[in-house]
C-alpha atoms as a PDB file:
ATOM      1  CA  UNK A   1      24.332 -17.009  64.239  1.00  0.00           C
ATOM      2  CA  UNK A   2      25.080 -18.983  67.367  1.00  0.00           C
ATOM      3  CA  UNK A   3      28.090 -21.172  68.231  1.00  0.00           C
ATOM      4  CA  UNK A   4      27.555 -24.679  69.551  1.00  0.00           C
ATOM      5  CA  UNK A   5      28.338 -23.338  73.028  1.00  0.00           C
ATOM      6  CA  UNK A   6      29.394 -20.122  74.620  1.00  0.00           C
ATOM      7  CA  UNK A   7      33.087 -19.174  74.966  1.00  0.00           C
ATOM      8  CA  UNK A   8      34.635 -20.836  78.087  1.00  0.00           C
ATOM      9  CA  UNK A   9      34.944 -17.556  79.998  1.00  0.00           C
ATOM     10  CA  UNK A  10      31.302 -16.761  79.249  1.00  0.00           C
ATOM     11  CA  UNK A  11      30.151 -20.294  80.128  1.00  0.00           C
ATOM     12  CA  UNK A  12      31.930 -20.023  83.489  1.00  0.00           C
ATOM     13  CA  UNK A  13      30.040 -16.701  84.161  1.00  0.00           C
ATOM     14  CA  UNK A  14      26.775 -18.390  83.244  1.00  0.00           C
ATOM     15  CA  UNK A  15      27.518 -21.284  85.532  1.00  0.00           C
ATOM     16  CA  UNK A  16      28.435 -18.992  88.429  1.00  0.00           C
ATOM     17  CA  UNK A  17      25.262 -17.024  88.130  1.00  0.00           C
ATOM     18  CA  UNK A  18      22.718 -19.709  87.184  1.00  0.00           C
ATOM     19  CA  UNK A  19      21.130 -19.756  90.638  1.00  0.00           C
ATOM     20  CA  UNK A  20      20.720 -15.980  90.821  1.00  0.00           C
ATOM     21  CA  UNK A  21      17.175 -14.710  90.538  1.00  0.00           C
ATOM     22  CA  UNK A  22      16.142 -13.229  87.140  1.00  0.00           C
ATOM     23  CA  UNK A  23      15.713  -9.521  86.988  1.00  0.00           C
ATOM     24  CA  UNK A  24      11.978  -9.689  86.699  1.00  0.00           C
ATOM     25  CA  UNK A  25      11.866 -11.693  89.945  1.00  0.00           C
ATOM     26  CA  UNK A  26      13.741  -9.078  91.992  1.00  0.00           C
ATOM     27  CA  UNK A  27      12.562  -5.933  93.760  1.00  0.00           C
ATOM     28  CA  UNK A  28      13.487  -2.858  91.729  1.00  0.00           C
ATOM     29  CA  UNK A  29      15.876  -1.702  94.501  1.00  0.00           C
ATOM     30  CA  UNK A  30      17.864  -4.919  94.208  1.00  0.00           C
ATOM     31  CA  UNK A  31      17.885  -4.792  90.391  1.00  0.00           C
ATOM     32  CA  UNK A  32      19.411  -1.371  90.601  1.00  0.00           C
ATOM     33  CA  UNK A  33      21.938  -2.305  93.274  1.00  0.00           C
ATOM     34  CA  UNK A  34      23.091  -5.363  91.373  1.00  0.00           C
ATOM     35  CA  UNK A  35      23.505  -3.462  88.120  1.00  0.00           C
ATOM     36  CA  UNK A  36      25.961  -1.179  89.789  1.00  0.00           C
ATOM     37  CA  UNK A  37      27.618  -3.757  92.041  1.00  0.00           C
ATOM     38  CA  UNK A  38      28.394  -6.340  89.491  1.00  0.00           C
ATOM     39  CA  UNK A  39      30.513  -3.873  87.460  1.00  0.00           C
ATOM     40  CA  UNK A  40      32.023  -1.881  90.373  1.00  0.00           C
ATOM     41  CA  UNK A  41      35.818  -1.777  90.765  1.00  0.00           C
ATOM     42  CA  UNK A  42      37.894  -0.845  93.781  1.00  0.00           C
ATOM     43  CA  UNK A  43      40.528   1.168  91.776  1.00  0.00           C
ATOM     44  CA  UNK A  44      39.049   2.736  88.675  1.00  0.00           C
ATOM     45  CA  UNK A  45      41.319   3.149  85.687  1.00  0.00           C
ATOM     46  CA  UNK A  46      42.924   6.659  85.705  1.00  0.00           C
ATOM     47  CA  UNK A  47      41.925   8.945  82.962  1.00  0.00           C
ATOM     48  CA  UNK A  48      43.013  12.477  82.134  1.00  0.00           C
ATOM     49  CA  UNK A  49      40.104  14.247  83.872  1.00  0.00           C
ATOM     50  CA  UNK A  50      36.700  13.335  85.215  1.00  0.00           C
ATOM     51  CA  UNK A  51      34.123  16.068  85.624  1.00  0.00           C
ATOM     52  CA  UNK A  52      30.738  15.568  87.259  1.00  0.00           C
ATOM     53  CA  UNK A  53      28.181  18.273  86.592  1.00  0.00           C
ATOM     54  CA  UNK A  54      24.514  18.872  85.835  1.00  0.00           C
ATOM     55  CA  UNK A  55      22.868  20.483  82.885  1.00  0.00           C
ATOM     56  CA  UNK A  56      19.315  21.748  82.471  1.00  0.00           C
ATOM     57  CA  UNK A  57      16.936  18.965  81.555  1.00  0.00           C
ATOM     58  CA  UNK A  58      13.245  18.641  81.017  1.00  0.00           C
ATOM     59  CA  UNK A  59      12.876  16.788  84.314  1.00  0.00           C
ATOM     60  CA  UNK A  60      15.114  19.098  86.264  1.00  0.00           C
ATOM     61  CA  UNK A  61      18.825  19.123  86.591  1.00  0.00           C
ATOM     62  CA  UNK A  62      20.367  16.242  84.535  1.00  0.00           C
ATOM     63  CA  UNK A  63      23.590  14.687  85.818  1.00  0.00           C
ATOM     64  CA  UNK A  64      26.341  13.968  83.346  1.00  0.00           C
ATOM     65  CA  UNK A  65      29.970  12.736  83.739  1.00  0.00           C
ATOM     66  CA  UNK A  66      32.648  13.868  81.380  1.00  0.00           C
ATOM     67  CA  UNK A  67      35.778  11.735  80.773  1.00  0.00           C
ATOM     68  CA  UNK A  68      38.574  13.739  79.138  1.00  0.00           C
ATOM     69  CA  UNK A  69      41.559  11.719  77.937  1.00  0.00           C
ATOM     70  CA  UNK A  70      45.195  12.636  78.477  1.00  0.00           C
ATOM     71  CA  UNK A  71      46.753  14.834  75.768  1.00  0.00           C
ATOM     72  CA  UNK A  72      46.073  18.054  74.001  1.00  0.00           C
ATOM     73  CA  UNK A  73      42.592  18.785  72.709  1.00  0.00           C
ATOM     74  CA  UNK A  74      40.337  19.526  71.233  1.00  0.00           C
ATOM     75  CA  UNK A  75      39.031  16.004  71.484  1.00  0.00           C
ATOM     76  CA  UNK A  76      36.353  14.247  69.492  1.00  0.00           C
ATOM     77  CA  UNK A  77      33.298  13.531  71.714  1.00  0.00           C
ATOM     78  CA  UNK A  78      31.016  10.612  72.154  1.00  0.00           C
ATOM     79  CA  UNK A  79      27.854  10.521  74.214  1.00  0.00           C
ATOM     80  CA  UNK A  80      27.504   7.305  76.217  1.00  0.00           C
ATOM     81  CA  UNK A  81      24.088   6.037  77.264  1.00  0.00           C
ATOM     82  CA  UNK A  82      24.194   3.163  79.794  1.00  0.00           C
ATOM     83  CA  UNK A  83      22.185  -0.050  79.616  1.00  0.00           C
ATOM     84  CA  UNK A  84      19.983  -1.477  82.261  1.00  0.00           C
ATOM     85  CA  UNK A  85      16.595  -2.076  80.686  1.00  0.00           C
ATOM     86  CA  UNK A  86      15.566   1.568  81.186  1.00  0.00           C
ATOM     87  CA  UNK A  87      15.091   0.752  84.879  1.00  0.00           C
ATOM     88  CA  UNK A  88      18.650   0.497  86.224  1.00  0.00           C
ATOM     89  CA  UNK A  89      22.160   1.714  85.650  1.00  0.00           C
ATOM     90  CA  UNK A  90      23.764   5.047  86.322  1.00  0.00           C
ATOM     91  CA  UNK A  91      26.995   6.924  86.087  1.00  0.00           C
ATOM     92  CA  UNK A  92      28.669   4.344  88.367  1.00  0.00           C
ATOM     93  CA  UNK A  93      27.536   1.215  86.591  1.00  0.00           C
ATOM     94  CA  UNK A  94      29.419   2.012  83.433  1.00  0.00           C
ATOM     95  CA  UNK A  95      32.201   4.159  84.926  1.00  0.00           C
ATOM     96  CA  UNK A  96      35.024   1.772  84.229  1.00  0.00           C
ATOM     97  CA  UNK A  97      33.821   1.169  80.670  1.00  0.00           C
ATOM     98  CA  UNK A  98      33.770   4.847  79.976  1.00  0.00           C
ATOM     99  CA  UNK A  99      37.194   5.369  81.502  1.00  0.00           C
ATOM    100  CA  UNK A 100      38.782   2.714  79.324  1.00  0.00           C
ATOM    101  CA  UNK A 101      36.841   3.879  76.238  1.00  0.00           C
ATOM    102  CA  UNK A 102      38.183   7.412  76.693  1.00  0.00           C
ATOM    103  CA  UNK A 103      41.731   6.146  77.082  1.00  0.00           C
ATOM    104  CA  UNK A 104      41.624   3.678  74.218  1.00  0.00           C
ATOM    105  CA  UNK A 105      40.117   6.023  71.687  1.00  0.00           C
ATOM    106  CA  UNK A 106      41.435   9.456  72.683  1.00  0.00           C
ATOM    107  CA  UNK A 107      37.792  10.586  72.634  1.00  0.00           C
ATOM    108  CA  UNK A 108      36.075  12.574  75.404  1.00  0.00           C
ATOM    109  CA  UNK A 109      33.194  10.425  76.712  1.00  0.00           C
ATOM    110  CA  UNK A 110      30.062  12.088  78.106  1.00  0.00           C
ATOM    111  CA  UNK A 111      27.919   9.710  80.150  1.00  0.00           C
ATOM    112  CA  UNK A 112      24.344  10.637  80.847  1.00  0.00           C
ATOM    113  CA  UNK A 113      22.401   9.790  84.084  1.00  0.00           C
ATOM    114  CA  UNK A 114      19.010   9.813  82.350  1.00  0.00           C
ATOM    115  CA  UNK A 115      15.773   9.320  84.153  1.00  0.00           C
ATOM    116  CA  UNK A 116      14.668   5.721  84.831  1.00  0.00           C
ATOM    117  CA  UNK A 117      11.342   3.839  84.638  1.00  0.00           C
ATOM    118  CA  UNK A 118       8.943   3.146  86.072  1.00  0.00           C
ATOM    119  CA  UNK A 119       9.208   6.493  88.012  1.00  0.00           C
ATOM    120  CA  UNK A 120       9.841   8.260  84.756  1.00  0.00           C
ATOM    121  CA  UNK A 121       8.521   6.189  81.858  1.00  0.00           C
ATOM    122  CA  UNK A 122       9.035   6.769  78.090  1.00  0.00           C
ATOM    123  CA  UNK A 123       9.802   9.300  76.766  1.00  0.00           C
ATOM    124  CA  UNK A 124      11.829  10.654  79.760  1.00  0.00           C
ATOM    125  CA  UNK A 125      15.022   8.790  78.960  1.00  0.00           C
ATOM    126  CA  UNK A 126      14.790   9.791  75.296  1.00  0.00           C
ATOM    127  CA  UNK A 127      14.241  13.443  76.230  1.00  0.00           C
ATOM    128  CA  UNK A 128      17.320  13.366  78.528  1.00  0.00           C
ATOM    129  CA  UNK A 129      19.524  11.640  75.934  1.00  0.00           C
ATOM    130  CA  UNK A 130      18.667  14.180  73.254  1.00  0.00           C
ATOM    131  CA  UNK A 131      18.831  17.156  75.539  1.00  0.00           C
ATOM    132  CA  UNK A 132      22.314  16.049  76.771  1.00  0.00           C
ATOM    133  CA  UNK A 133      23.521  15.582  73.219  1.00  0.00           C
ATOM    134  CA  UNK A 134      22.248  19.044  72.285  1.00  0.00           C
ATOM    135  CA  UNK A 135      24.086  20.533  75.304  1.00  0.00           C
ATOM    136  CA  UNK A 136      27.350  18.858  74.301  1.00  0.00           C
ATOM    137  CA  UNK A 137      27.013  20.025  70.750  1.00  0.00           C
ATOM    138  CA  UNK A 138      26.705  23.573  71.987  1.00  0.00           C
ATOM    139  CA  UNK A 139      29.223  23.507  74.877  1.00  0.00           C
ATOM    140  CA  UNK A 140      31.854  20.887  74.075  1.00  0.00           C
ATOM    141  CA  UNK A 141      34.537  23.597  74.089  1.00  0.00           C
ATOM    142  CA  UNK A 142      33.993  23.985  77.839  1.00  0.00           C
ATOM    143  CA  UNK A 143      35.813  20.663  78.410  1.00  0.00           C
ATOM    144  CA  UNK A 144      38.116  20.680  75.406  1.00  0.00           C
ATOM    145  CA  UNK A 145      35.776  18.815  73.055  1.00  0.00           C
ATOM    146  CA  UNK A 146      35.299  19.230  69.393  1.00  0.00           C
ATOM    147  CA  UNK A 147      31.552  19.250  68.568  1.00  0.00           C
ATOM    148  CA  UNK A 148      32.240  18.788  64.851  1.00  0.00           C
ATOM    149  CA  UNK A 149      33.317  15.254  65.707  1.00  0.00           C
ATOM    150  CA  UNK A 150      30.419  14.068  67.802  1.00  0.00           C
ATOM    151  CA  UNK A 151      29.069  10.560  68.116  1.00  0.00           C
ATOM    152  CA  UNK A 152      26.492   8.679  70.163  1.00  0.00           C
ATOM    153  CA  UNK A 153      27.048   5.295  71.782  1.00  0.00           C
ATOM    154  CA  UNK A 154      25.371   2.940  74.172  1.00  0.00           C
ATOM    155  CA  UNK A 155      24.713  -0.666  75.233  1.00  0.00           C
ATOM    156  CA  UNK A 156      21.401  -2.476  75.308  1.00  0.00           C
ATOM    157  CA  UNK A 157      18.808   0.098  76.454  1.00  0.00           C
ATOM    158  CA  UNK A 158      21.552   2.667  75.943  1.00  0.00           C
ATOM    159  CA  UNK A 159      22.032   1.425  72.435  1.00  0.00           C
ATOM    160  CA  UNK A 160      18.352   2.072  71.880  1.00  0.00           C
ATOM    161  CA  UNK A 161      18.822   5.698  73.074  1.00  0.00           C
ATOM    162  CA  UNK A 162      21.854   6.200  70.832  1.00  0.00           C
ATOM    163  CA  UNK A 163      19.994   4.903  67.817  1.00  0.00           C
ATOM    164  CA  UNK A 164      16.940   7.077  68.675  1.00  0.00           C
ATOM    165  CA  UNK A 165      19.067  10.150  69.167  1.00  0.00           C
ATOM    166  CA  UNK A 166      20.522   9.622  65.722  1.00  0.00           C
ATOM    167  CA  UNK A 167      16.995   9.565  64.249  1.00  0.00           C
ATOM    168  CA  UNK A 168      15.984  12.548  66.260  1.00  0.00           C
ATOM    169  CA  UNK A 169      18.988  14.577  65.279  1.00  0.00           C
ATOM    170  CA  UNK A 170      18.314  13.859  61.624  1.00  0.00           C
ATOM    171  CA  UNK A 171      14.582  14.572  61.918  1.00  0.00           C
ATOM    172  CA  UNK A 172      15.085  17.812  63.914  1.00  0.00           C
ATOM    173  CA  UNK A 173      17.987  19.188  61.907  1.00  0.00           C
ATOM    174  CA  UNK A 174      20.692  18.546  64.519  1.00  0.00           C
ATOM    175  CA  UNK A 175      22.967  18.170  66.293  1.00  0.00           C
ATOM    176  CA  UNK A 176      25.219  16.870  63.503  1.00  0.00           C
ATOM    177  CA  UNK A 177      26.447  13.401  64.413  1.00  0.00           C
ATOM    178  CA  UNK A 178      29.517  11.767  62.915  1.00  0.00           C
ATOM    179  CA  UNK A 179      28.913   8.184  64.136  1.00  0.00           C
ATOM    180  CA  UNK A 180      26.783   5.836  66.177  1.00  0.00           C
ATOM    181  CA  UNK A 181      28.050   2.853  68.132  1.00  0.00           C
ATOM    182  CA  UNK A 182      25.223   0.506  69.069  1.00  0.00           C
ATOM    183  CA  UNK A 183      26.134  -2.420  71.431  1.00  0.00           C
ATOM    184  CA  UNK A 184      23.431  -5.148  71.311  1.00  0.00           C
ATOM    185  CA  UNK A 185      20.665  -2.491  71.166  1.00  0.00           C
ATOM    186  CA  UNK A 186      16.960  -3.164  71.819  1.00  0.00           C
ATOM    187  CA  UNK A 187      15.242  -1.582  68.852  1.00  0.00           C
ATOM    188  CA  UNK A 188      11.897  -3.403  68.304  1.00  0.00           C
ATOM    189  CA  UNK A 189       8.592  -3.569  70.236  1.00  0.00           C
ATOM    190  CA  UNK A 190       8.241  -7.232  69.391  1.00  0.00           C
ATOM    191  CA  UNK A 191       9.750 -10.102  71.337  1.00  0.00           C
ATOM    192  CA  UNK A 192       8.809 -12.922  69.009  1.00  0.00           C
ATOM    193  CA  UNK A 193      12.224 -13.002  67.300  1.00  0.00           C
ATOM    194  CA  UNK A 194      13.821 -16.413  66.868  1.00  0.00           C
ATOM    195  CA  UNK A 195      16.689 -15.375  69.099  1.00  0.00           C
ATOM    196  CA  UNK A 196      14.333 -14.521  71.955  1.00  0.00           C
ATOM    197  CA  UNK A 197      13.066 -18.089  71.887  1.00  0.00           C
ATOM    198  CA  UNK A 198      16.427 -19.662  71.263  1.00  0.00           C
ATOM    199  CA  UNK A 199      18.195 -17.603  73.972  1.00  0.00           C
ATOM    200  CA  UNK A 200      15.183 -16.773  76.203  1.00  0.00           C
ATOM    201  CA  UNK A 201      16.428 -18.668  79.243  1.00  0.00           C
ATOM    202  CA  UNK A 202      19.774 -19.469  80.692  1.00  0.00           C
ATOM    203  CA  UNK A 203      21.975 -16.787  79.174  1.00  0.00           C
ATOM    204  CA  UNK A 204      22.125 -14.001  81.815  1.00  0.00           C
ATOM    205  CA  UNK A 205      19.158 -11.995  80.527  1.00  0.00           C
ATOM    206  CA  UNK A 206      15.814 -13.720  79.798  1.00  0.00           C
ATOM    207  CA  UNK A 207      12.911 -13.182  77.468  1.00  0.00           C
ATOM    208  CA  UNK A 208      10.754 -12.639  80.565  1.00  0.00           C
ATOM    209  CA  UNK A 209      13.226  -9.973  81.706  1.00  0.00           C
ATOM    210  CA  UNK A 210      12.784  -8.120  78.430  1.00  0.00           C
ATOM    211  CA  UNK A 211       8.985  -8.199  78.697  1.00  0.00           C
ATOM    212  CA  UNK A 212       9.298  -6.890  82.297  1.00  0.00           C
ATOM    213  CA  UNK A 213      11.531  -4.073  81.254  1.00  0.00           C
ATOM    214  CA  UNK A 214       9.030  -3.054  78.639  1.00  0.00           C
ATOM    215  CA  UNK A 215       6.231  -3.114  81.230  1.00  0.00           C
ATOM    216  CA  UNK A 216       8.248  -0.644  83.353  1.00  0.00           C
ATOM    217  CA  UNK A 217       9.282   1.659  80.464  1.00  0.00           C
ATOM    218  CA  UNK A 218       5.972   1.991  78.637  1.00  0.00           C
ATOM    219  CA  UNK A 219       3.181   3.493  80.637  1.00  0.00           C
ATOM    220  CA  UNK A 220       0.884   2.746  77.728  1.00  0.00           C
ATOM    221  CA  UNK A 221       1.350  -0.181  75.424  1.00  0.00           C
ATOM    222  CA  UNK A 222       0.924   1.986  72.342  1.00  0.00           C
ATOM    223  CA  UNK A 223       4.108   3.916  73.351  1.00  0.00           C
ATOM    224  CA  UNK A 224       6.146   0.907  72.286  1.00  0.00           C
ATOM    225  CA  UNK A 225       5.086   1.613  68.667  1.00  0.00           C
ATOM    226  CA  UNK A 226       6.584   5.093  68.676  1.00  0.00           C
ATOM    227  CA  UNK A 227       9.665   5.209  66.390  1.00  0.00           C
ATOM    228  CA  UNK A 228      11.527   7.037  69.134  1.00  0.00           C
ATOM    229  CA  UNK A 229      10.946   4.043  71.386  1.00  0.00           C
ATOM    230  CA  UNK A 230      11.453   1.328  68.788  1.00  0.00           C
ATOM    231  CA  UNK A 231      13.606   2.825  65.981  1.00  0.00           C
ATOM    232  CA  UNK A 232      13.480  -0.388  63.873  1.00  0.00           C
ATOM    233  CA  UNK A 233       9.904   0.786  62.996  1.00  0.00           C
ATOM    234  CA  UNK A 234      11.115   3.946  61.490  1.00  0.00           C
ATOM    235  CA  UNK A 235      10.054   4.252  57.822  1.00  0.00           C
ATOM    236  CA  UNK A 236      13.222   6.117  56.758  1.00  0.00           C
ATOM    237  CA  UNK A 237      16.826   5.175  57.555  1.00  0.00           C
ATOM    238  CA  UNK A 238      18.406   7.452  54.984  1.00  0.00           C
ATOM    239  CA  UNK A 239      20.917  10.132  56.042  1.00  0.00           C
ATOM    240  CA  UNK A 240      21.584   8.547  59.398  1.00  0.00           C
ATOM    241  CA  UNK A 241      25.193   8.635  60.621  1.00  0.00           C
ATOM    242  CA  UNK A 242      27.536   5.703  59.824  1.00  0.00           C
ATOM    243  CA  UNK A 243      27.269   2.958  62.387  1.00  0.00           C
ATOM    244  CA  UNK A 244      28.900   0.070  64.184  1.00  0.00           C
ATOM    245  CA  UNK A 245      26.405  -2.538  65.410  1.00  0.00           C
ATOM    246  CA  UNK A 246      27.536  -5.290  67.755  1.00  0.00           C
ATOM    247  CA  UNK A 247      25.507  -8.420  68.279  1.00  0.00           C
ATOM    248  CA  UNK A 248      25.924 -11.571  70.330  1.00  0.00           C
ATOM    249  CA  UNK A 249      24.991 -15.214  69.414  1.00  0.00           C
ATOM    250  CA  UNK A 250      23.485 -16.122  72.778  1.00  0.00           C
ATOM    251  CA  UNK A 251      21.527 -12.886  73.290  1.00  0.00           C
ATOM    252  CA  UNK A 252      17.708 -12.810  73.073  1.00  0.00           C
ATOM    253  CA  UNK A 253      18.170  -9.346  71.452  1.00  0.00           C
ATOM    254  CA  UNK A 254      20.451 -10.727  68.749  1.00  0.00           C
ATOM    255  CA  UNK A 255      17.998 -10.676  65.861  1.00  0.00           C
ATOM    256  CA  UNK A 256      16.861  -7.196  66.633  1.00  0.00           C
ATOM    257  CA  UNK A 257      20.373  -5.900  66.232  1.00  0.00           C
ATOM    258  CA  UNK A 258      21.026  -7.842  63.039  1.00  0.00           C
ATOM    259  CA  UNK A 259      17.807  -6.494  61.519  1.00  0.00           C
ATOM    260  CA  UNK A 260      18.792  -2.940  62.537  1.00  0.00           C
ATOM    261  CA  UNK A 261      22.216  -3.279  60.907  1.00  0.00           C
ATOM    262  CA  UNK A 262      20.442  -4.570  57.709  1.00  0.00           C
ATOM    263  CA  UNK A 263      17.990  -1.636  57.676  1.00  0.00           C
ATOM    264  CA  UNK A 264      20.840   0.798  57.872  1.00  0.00           C
ATOM    265  CA  UNK A 265      22.754  -0.940  55.135  1.00  0.00           C
ATOM    266  CA  UNK A 266      19.712  -1.122  52.868  1.00  0.00           C
ATOM    267  CA  UNK A 267      19.297   2.644  53.262  1.00  0.00           C
ATOM    268  CA  UNK A 268      22.845   3.300  52.079  1.00  0.00           C
ATOM    269  CA  UNK A 269      24.319   4.039  55.528  1.00  0.00           C
ATOM    270  CA  UNK A 270      27.859   2.803  56.030  1.00  0.00           C
ATOM    271  CA  UNK A 271      27.634  -0.031  58.596  1.00  0.00           C
ATOM    272  CA  UNK A 272      30.140  -2.195  60.303  1.00  0.00           C
ATOM    273  CA  UNK A 273      28.460  -5.188  61.927  1.00  0.00           C
ATOM    274  CA  UNK A 274      30.453  -7.175  64.411  1.00  0.00           C
ATOM    275  CA  UNK A 275      28.757 -10.441  65.321  1.00  0.00           C
ATOM    276  CA  UNK A 276      30.222 -12.652  68.024  1.00  0.00           C
ATOM    277  CA  UNK A 277      28.558 -16.018  67.937  1.00  0.00           C
ATOM    278  CA  UNK A 278      29.877 -17.412  71.257  1.00  0.00           C
ATOM    279  CA  UNK A 279      28.901 -14.677  73.741  1.00  0.00           C
ATOM    280  CA  UNK A 280      25.883 -13.334  75.706  1.00  0.00           C
ATOM    281  CA  UNK A 281      24.162 -10.032  76.199  1.00  0.00           C
ATOM    282  CA  UNK A 282      26.283  -7.349  78.027  1.00  0.00           C
ATOM    283  CA  UNK A 283      29.483  -9.158  77.071  1.00  0.00           C
ATOM    284  CA  UNK A 284      31.412  -6.099  75.825  1.00  0.00           C
ATOM    285  CA  UNK A 285      31.340  -4.557  79.313  1.00  0.00           C
ATOM    286  CA  UNK A 286      32.909  -7.778  80.579  1.00  0.00           C
ATOM    287  CA  UNK A 287      36.011  -6.814  78.647  1.00  0.00           C
ATOM    288  CA  UNK A 288      37.032  -4.349  81.364  1.00  0.00           C
ATOM    289  CA  UNK A 289      37.468  -4.673  85.096  1.00  0.00           C
ATOM    290  CA  UNK A 290      36.303  -6.294  87.212  1.00  0.00           C
ATOM    291  CA  UNK A 291      35.885  -9.156  84.650  1.00  0.00           C
ATOM    292  CA  UNK A 292      38.544  -8.603  81.970  1.00  0.00           C
ATOM    293  CA  UNK A 293      37.364 -11.528  79.796  1.00  0.00           C
ATOM    294  CA  UNK A 294      39.648 -12.003  76.810  1.00  0.00           C
ATOM    295  CA  UNK A 295      36.892 -12.601  74.282  1.00  0.00           C
ATOM    296  CA  UNK A 296      35.005  -9.531  75.539  1.00  0.00           C
ATOM    297  CA  UNK A 297      38.212  -7.386  75.460  1.00  0.00           C
ATOM    298  CA  UNK A 298      38.638  -8.299  71.716  1.00  0.00           C
ATOM    299  CA  UNK A 299      35.126  -7.051  71.013  1.00  0.00           C
ATOM    300  CA  UNK A 300      35.671  -3.884  73.074  1.00  0.00           C
ATOM    301  CA  UNK A 301      38.902  -3.227  71.056  1.00  0.00           C
ATOM    302  CA  UNK A 302      37.013  -3.716  67.784  1.00  0.00           C
ATOM    303  CA  UNK A 303      34.309  -1.265  68.718  1.00  0.00           C
ATOM    304  CA  UNK A 304      36.729   1.230  70.184  1.00  0.00           C
ATOM    305  CA  UNK A 305      38.765   1.098  67.074  1.00  0.00           C
ATOM    306  CA  UNK A 306      35.753   1.813  64.847  1.00  0.00           C
ATOM    307  CA  UNK A 307      34.870   4.787  66.979  1.00  0.00           C
ATOM    308  CA  UNK A 308      38.419   6.069  67.121  1.00  0.00           C
ATOM    309  CA  UNK A 309      38.699   5.874  63.290  1.00  0.00           C
ATOM    310  CA  UNK A 310      35.340   7.464  62.666  1.00  0.00           C
ATOM    311  CA  UNK A 311      36.136  10.509  64.767  1.00  0.00           C
ATOM    312  CA  UNK A 312      39.714  10.960  63.532  1.00  0.00           C
ATOM    313  CA  UNK A 313      40.469  14.258  61.708  1.00  0.00           C
END
């Protein structure tokens, strides 16, 4: 499951950041600033149209950003839920990734600025993710989208939200989802996986970081056992949308993602599992500017290709 050593590009990144404080050692303000700053670009990739707006949410007005590709619609649509441990990330942290994803797939991408913990603990993020997906299903034609070809996608904590929304949509009778793209998702309340021990220190995100994220996200420990917080605990995986699951060899979350792909497959769900044994958590986002890592770009292309094919006519 893990190469002898990380890919040279990834190892160089690890070496450059080895003296940086871990997330759990930083003030929340710094965590949030770093999450945005490390992926910011001076000149974002052009895309057909970018629309910032708000929609009604349970916590008030919910900001979303819609990326519409060049060309003639109607376009398939994917929701995108950003990572950041449920405590950081926003529309800016994943702006470049969403731009490139829209361009490469010809899919309209709707990014959601869901509420963050600890100010708004579970289930606030889940409610926002599902509410936004419902809104898009009902209003996609406003931006040239085709709601009959709707997917959910996300990375890390956002991968959790994408997986959870897929469960909620099935359980609640909609919206109908065509696909789910889960990039190294966190899906389990337990941190005693072998990969958490094997990769718990020295590979960008640590096991202690994961525990700290959980402390912020869950106001009550029992909340972590809710299937809409930890979808790996769900009893039933049948009738979920087809999926792509991406995992990384040097990621403490690796084994959770592998187990989730296996649960989907065991339930008869069509699953494509891309495992990259020489990379770390968050590596797919490093395939676009400001990093542009070759190995990460390969994985980005694989995932984008799966999404494009799944939402084709």
